[in-house]
């Protein structure tokens, strides 16, 4: 289960809506293992499949002592207040912007065996669930920012060494 290279903002795979998973086989298990290995290093919270160049509806997480994955996730619940919370992204390295996120979120989907799962959390965990599901819908967090902040973010991205 190797750690995979992260695709950066501007890569077309990050802007496409991911294809639902319908086949649960060894290739899927290997992909989930790669996502888990890529999410595990210190300073990371989660990785969505398009971030490693795969247009499938899967993300893996390693955050707050919780480790897992969700296949074909759908946000099924949000709650609390919508708050600006500093957010970054492996696909937008080195840049952080206050992003509106719900304090509570829950996603439902399936695991690698096709069994139903529901994952929920508060605070940073809820932020991660919303962020990763956005990736699977072809949205990078900077595109969700209010107009002035989005302009600032896009300007910073264009000036970034990695862009």
C-alpha atoms as a PDB file:
ATOM      1  CA  UNK A   1       0.000   0.000   0.000  1.00  0.00           C
ATOM      2  CA  UNK A   2       2.121   2.849  -1.295  1.00  0.00           C
ATOM      3  CA  UNK A   3       1.598   6.519  -0.599  1.00  0.00           C
ATOM      4  CA  UNK A   4       0.496   8.145  -3.866  1.00  0.00           C
ATOM      5  CA  UNK A   5       1.399  11.553  -5.340  1.00  0.00           C
ATOM      6  CA  UNK A   6      -1.158  14.317  -4.785  1.00  0.00           C
ATOM      7  CA  UNK A   7      -2.628  16.163  -7.768  1.00  0.00           C
ATOM      8  CA  UNK A   8      -2.601  19.965  -7.510  1.00  0.00           C
ATOM      9  CA  UNK A   9      -5.306  22.509  -8.200  1.00  0.00           C
ATOM     10  CA  UNK A  10      -5.570  22.980 -11.954  1.00  0.00           C
ATOM     11  CA  UNK A  11      -5.478  19.237 -12.686  1.00  0.00           C
ATOM     12  CA  UNK A  12      -8.737  18.409 -14.539  1.00  0.00           C
ATOM     13  CA  UNK A  13      -9.399  15.297 -12.407  1.00  0.00           C
ATOM     14  CA  UNK A  14     -10.058  17.600  -9.435  1.00  0.00           C
ATOM     15  CA  UNK A  15     -12.873  19.363 -11.309  1.00  0.00           C
ATOM     16  CA  UNK A  16     -14.782  16.300 -12.471  1.00  0.00           C
ATOM     17  CA  UNK A  17     -17.652  14.588 -10.668  1.00  0.00           C
ATOM     18  CA  UNK A  18     -16.430  11.150  -9.626  1.00  0.00           C
ATOM     19  CA  UNK A  19     -17.962   7.899 -10.823  1.00  0.00           C
ATOM     20  CA  UNK A  20     -19.747   5.783  -8.186  1.00  0.00           C
ATOM     21  CA  UNK A  21     -18.093   2.505  -7.256  1.00  0.00           C
ATOM     22  CA  UNK A  22     -20.061  -0.534  -8.406  1.00  0.00           C
ATOM     23  CA  UNK A  23     -17.431  -3.297  -8.331  1.00  0.00           C
ATOM     24  CA  UNK A  24     -16.058  -4.462  -4.975  1.00  0.00           C
ATOM     25  CA  UNK A  25     -12.934  -6.452  -5.744  1.00  0.00           C
ATOM     26  CA  UNK A  26      -9.203  -6.674  -5.032  1.00  0.00           C
ATOM     27  CA  UNK A  27      -8.492  -3.624  -7.199  1.00  0.00           C
ATOM     28  CA  UNK A  28     -10.854  -1.589  -5.004  1.00  0.00           C
ATOM     29  CA  UNK A  29      -9.185  -2.912  -1.849  1.00  0.00           C
ATOM     30  CA  UNK A  30      -5.793  -1.891  -3.242  1.00  0.00           C
ATOM     31  CA  UNK A  31      -7.088   1.606  -4.052  1.00  0.00           C
ATOM     32  CA  UNK A  32      -8.546   1.992  -0.536  1.00  0.00           C
ATOM     33  CA  UNK A  33      -5.194   0.833   0.911  1.00  0.00           C
ATOM     34  CA  UNK A  34      -3.347   3.425  -1.206  1.00  0.00           C
ATOM     35  CA  UNK A  35      -5.758   6.165  -0.074  1.00  0.00           C
ATOM     36  CA  UNK A  36      -5.259   5.139   3.563  1.00  0.00           C
ATOM     37  CA  UNK A  37      -1.467   5.191   3.169  1.00  0.00           C
ATOM     38  CA  UNK A  38      -1.652   8.605   1.503  1.00  0.00           C
ATOM     39  CA  UNK A  39      -3.886  10.030   4.259  1.00  0.00           C
ATOM     40  CA  UNK A  40      -1.753   8.677   7.126  1.00  0.00           C
ATOM     41  CA  UNK A  41       1.351  10.942   7.229  1.00  0.00           C
ATOM     42  CA  UNK A  42       1.533  13.564   9.978  1.00  0.00           C
ATOM     43  CA  UNK A  43      -0.256  16.784   9.078  1.00  0.00           C
ATOM     44  CA  UNK A  44      -2.834  15.125   6.852  1.00  0.00           C
ATOM     45  CA  UNK A  45      -6.483  14.457   7.663  1.00  0.00           C
ATOM     46  CA  UNK A  46      -7.908  12.713   4.606  1.00  0.00           C
ATOM     47  CA  UNK A  47      -7.476  12.087   0.893  1.00  0.00           C
ATOM     48  CA  UNK A  48     -10.121  11.738  -1.798  1.00  0.00           C
ATOM     49  CA  UNK A  49      -9.543   9.495  -4.819  1.00  0.00           C
ATOM     50  CA  UNK A  50      -9.370  12.353  -7.364  1.00  0.00           C
ATOM     51  CA  UNK A  51      -6.480  13.823  -5.380  1.00  0.00           C
ATOM     52  CA  UNK A  52      -4.430  10.797  -6.448  1.00  0.00           C
ATOM     53  CA  UNK A  53      -5.774  10.919 -10.000  1.00  0.00           C
ATOM     54  CA  UNK A  54      -8.629   8.411  -9.700  1.00  0.00           C
ATOM     55  CA  UNK A  55     -12.150   9.596 -10.530  1.00  0.00           C
ATOM     56  CA  UNK A  56     -14.006   7.297  -8.114  1.00  0.00           C
ATOM     57  CA  UNK A  57     -16.270   8.222  -5.168  1.00  0.00           C
ATOM     58  CA  UNK A  58     -13.960   7.194  -2.305  1.00  0.00           C
ATOM     59  CA  UNK A  59     -12.083   8.947   0.455  1.00  0.00           C
ATOM     60  CA  UNK A  60      -9.940   7.720   3.343  1.00  0.00           C
ATOM     61  CA  UNK A  61      -9.367   9.563   6.602  1.00  0.00           C
ATOM     62  CA  UNK A  62      -6.914   9.499   9.501  1.00  0.00           C
ATOM     63  CA  UNK A  63      -8.032  12.188  11.935  1.00  0.00           C
ATOM     64  CA  UNK A  64      -8.555  12.606  15.676  1.00  0.00           C
ATOM     65  CA  UNK A  65      -7.694   8.952  16.297  1.00  0.00           C
ATOM     66  CA  UNK A  66     -10.305   7.792  13.792  1.00  0.00           C
ATOM     67  CA  UNK A  67      -9.132   5.857  10.735  1.00  0.00           C
ATOM     68  CA  UNK A  68     -11.339   4.655   7.911  1.00  0.00           C
ATOM     69  CA  UNK A  69     -12.800   5.153   4.460  1.00  0.00           C
ATOM     70  CA  UNK A  70     -16.147   5.765   2.822  1.00  0.00           C
ATOM     71  CA  UNK A  71     -17.174   4.623  -0.656  1.00  0.00           C
ATOM     72  CA  UNK A  72     -19.961   6.446  -2.513  1.00  0.00           C
ATOM     73  CA  UNK A  73     -20.416   8.937   0.346  1.00  0.00           C
ATOM     74  CA  UNK A  74     -23.314  11.356   0.484  1.00  0.00           C
ATOM     75  CA  UNK A  75     -23.657  14.124   3.060  1.00  0.00           C
ATOM     76  CA  UNK A  76     -26.882  13.170   4.826  1.00  0.00           C
ATOM     77  CA  UNK A  77     -26.847  15.615   7.706  1.00  0.00           C
ATOM     78  CA  UNK A  78     -25.365  18.968   8.660  1.00  0.00           C
ATOM     79  CA  UNK A  79     -26.077  20.999  11.736  1.00  0.00           C
ATOM     80  CA  UNK A  80     -24.955  23.498  14.274  1.00  0.00           C
ATOM     81  CA  UNK A  81     -23.764  26.828  12.953  1.00  0.00           C
ATOM     82  CA  UNK A  82     -22.224  27.550   9.588  1.00  0.00           C
ATOM     83  CA  UNK A  83     -18.836  28.958  10.624  1.00  0.00           C
ATOM     84  CA  UNK A  84     -15.702  30.162   8.916  1.00  0.00           C
ATOM     85  CA  UNK A  85     -12.963  27.713   9.791  1.00  0.00           C
ATOM     86  CA  UNK A  86      -9.376  27.855   8.500  1.00  0.00           C
ATOM     87  CA  UNK A  87      -9.075  25.239   5.804  1.00  0.00           C
ATOM     88  CA  UNK A  88      -6.273  23.894   3.691  1.00  0.00           C
ATOM     89  CA  UNK A  89      -5.977  21.142   1.127  1.00  0.00           C
ATOM     90  CA  UNK A  90      -3.222  18.830  -0.049  1.00  0.00           C
ATOM     91  CA  UNK A  91      -4.165  19.843  -3.605  1.00  0.00           C
ATOM     92  CA  UNK A  92      -3.635  23.522  -2.714  1.00  0.00           C
ATOM     93  CA  UNK A  93      -0.421  23.143  -0.683  1.00  0.00           C
ATOM     94  CA  UNK A  94       0.706  25.846   1.705  1.00  0.00           C
ATOM     95  CA  UNK A  95      -2.440  27.971   1.463  1.00  0.00           C
ATOM     96  CA  UNK A  96      -5.183  28.286   4.097  1.00  0.00           C
ATOM     97  CA  UNK A  97      -8.401  30.295   3.911  1.00  0.00           C
ATOM     98  CA  UNK A  98     -11.403  30.717   6.225  1.00  0.00           C
ATOM     99  CA  UNK A  99     -14.081  28.486   4.706  1.00  0.00           C
ATOM    100  CA  UNK A 100     -17.771  28.274   5.644  1.00  0.00           C
ATOM    101  CA  UNK A 101     -18.454  24.811   7.100  1.00  0.00           C
ATOM    102  CA  UNK A 102     -21.173  23.331   9.273  1.00  0.00           C
ATOM    103  CA  UNK A 103     -20.135  22.440  12.838  1.00  0.00           C
ATOM    104  CA  UNK A 104     -21.675  18.967  12.518  1.00  0.00           C
ATOM    105  CA  UNK A 105     -21.816  16.670   9.491  1.00  0.00           C
ATOM    106  CA  UNK A 106     -22.656  13.064   8.694  1.00  0.00           C
ATOM    107  CA  UNK A 107     -22.070  11.035   5.553  1.00  0.00           C
ATOM    108  CA  UNK A 108     -23.436   7.663   4.586  1.00  0.00           C
ATOM    109  CA  UNK A 109     -21.991   5.239   2.090  1.00  0.00           C
ATOM    110  CA  UNK A 110     -20.432   1.793   2.099  1.00  0.00           C
ATOM    111  CA  UNK A 111     -17.124   0.238   3.067  1.00  0.00           C
ATOM    112  CA  UNK A 112     -14.787  -1.864   0.937  1.00  0.00           C
ATOM    113  CA  UNK A 113     -16.975  -4.923   1.560  1.00  0.00           C
ATOM    114  CA  UNK A 114     -20.108  -3.098   0.366  1.00  0.00           C
ATOM    115  CA  UNK A 115     -21.521  -2.845   3.905  1.00  0.00           C
ATOM    116  CA  UNK A 116     -23.417   0.337   4.782  1.00  0.00           C
ATOM    117  CA  UNK A 117     -21.593   2.878   6.955  1.00  0.00           C
ATOM    118  CA  UNK A 118     -22.511   6.206   8.481  1.00  0.00           C
ATOM    119  CA  UNK A 119     -19.717   8.467   9.702  1.00  0.00           C
ATOM    120  CA  UNK A 120     -20.368  11.652  11.621  1.00  0.00           C
ATOM    121  CA  UNK A 121     -18.423  14.208  13.561  1.00  0.00           C
ATOM    122  CA  UNK A 122     -18.115  17.671  14.990  1.00  0.00           C
ATOM    123  CA  UNK A 123     -15.663  20.501  14.374  1.00  0.00           C
ATOM    124  CA  UNK A 124     -12.616  19.566  12.332  1.00  0.00           C
ATOM    125  CA  UNK A 125     -13.958  16.055  11.684  1.00  0.00           C
ATOM    126  CA  UNK A 126     -17.191  17.532  10.287  1.00  0.00           C
ATOM    127  CA  UNK A 127     -15.107  19.926   8.182  1.00  0.00           C
ATOM    128  CA  UNK A 128     -13.176  16.972   6.758  1.00  0.00           C
ATOM    129  CA  UNK A 129     -16.359  15.079   5.850  1.00  0.00           C
ATOM    130  CA  UNK A 130     -17.695  18.106   3.956  1.00  0.00           C
ATOM    131  CA  UNK A 131     -14.327  18.849   2.299  1.00  0.00           C
ATOM    132  CA  UNK A 132     -13.734  15.293   1.046  1.00  0.00           C
ATOM    133  CA  UNK A 133     -17.283  14.856  -0.229  1.00  0.00           C
ATOM    134  CA  UNK A 134     -16.892  18.156  -2.110  1.00  0.00           C
ATOM    135  CA  UNK A 135     -13.798  16.692  -3.816  1.00  0.00           C
ATOM    136  CA  UNK A 136     -15.890  13.778  -5.082  1.00  0.00           C
ATOM    137  CA  UNK A 137     -18.385  16.248  -6.544  1.00  0.00           C
ATOM    138  CA  UNK A 138     -15.579  18.009  -8.459  1.00  0.00           C
ATOM    139  CA  UNK A 139     -15.249  20.943  -6.067  1.00  0.00           C
ATOM    140  CA  UNK A 140     -12.030  22.145  -4.456  1.00  0.00           C
ATOM    141  CA  UNK A 141     -12.651  24.165  -1.292  1.00  0.00           C
ATOM    142  CA  UNK A 142     -11.355  27.457  -2.717  1.00  0.00           C
ATOM    143  CA  UNK A 143     -14.304  27.387  -5.134  1.00  0.00           C
ATOM    144  CA  UNK A 144     -16.732  27.457  -2.180  1.00  0.00           C
ATOM    145  CA  UNK A 145     -15.303  30.648  -0.682  1.00  0.00           C
ATOM    146  CA  UNK A 146     -17.200  33.935  -0.635  1.00  0.00           C
ATOM    147  CA  UNK A 147     -16.402  36.097  -3.682  1.00  0.00           C
ATOM    148  CA  UNK A 148     -13.630  38.328  -2.239  1.00  0.00           C
ATOM    149  CA  UNK A 149     -11.922  35.467  -0.433  1.00  0.00           C
ATOM    150  CA  UNK A 150     -12.134  33.308  -3.580  1.00  0.00           C
ATOM    151  CA  UNK A 151     -10.393  36.051  -5.577  1.00  0.00           C
ATOM    152  CA  UNK A 152      -7.670  36.255  -2.943  1.00  0.00           C
ATOM    153  CA  UNK A 153      -7.266  32.463  -2.961  1.00  0.00           C
ATOM    154  CA  UNK A 154      -7.084  32.202  -6.750  1.00  0.00           C
ATOM    155  CA  UNK A 155      -4.540  35.028  -6.854  1.00  0.00           C
ATOM    156  CA  UNK A 156      -2.404  33.212  -4.250  1.00  0.00           C
ATOM    157  CA  UNK A 157      -2.703  29.950  -6.206  1.00  0.00           C
ATOM    158  CA  UNK A 158      -1.539  31.615  -9.434  1.00  0.00           C
ATOM    159  CA  UNK A 159       1.510  32.936  -7.561  1.00  0.00           C
ATOM    160  CA  UNK A 160       2.312  29.624  -5.873  1.00  0.00           C
ATOM    161  CA  UNK A 161       5.507  27.870  -6.903  1.00  0.00           C
ATOM    162  CA  UNK A 162       3.687  24.570  -7.465  1.00  0.00           C
ATOM    163  CA  UNK A 163       1.058  26.034  -9.831  1.00  0.00           C
END
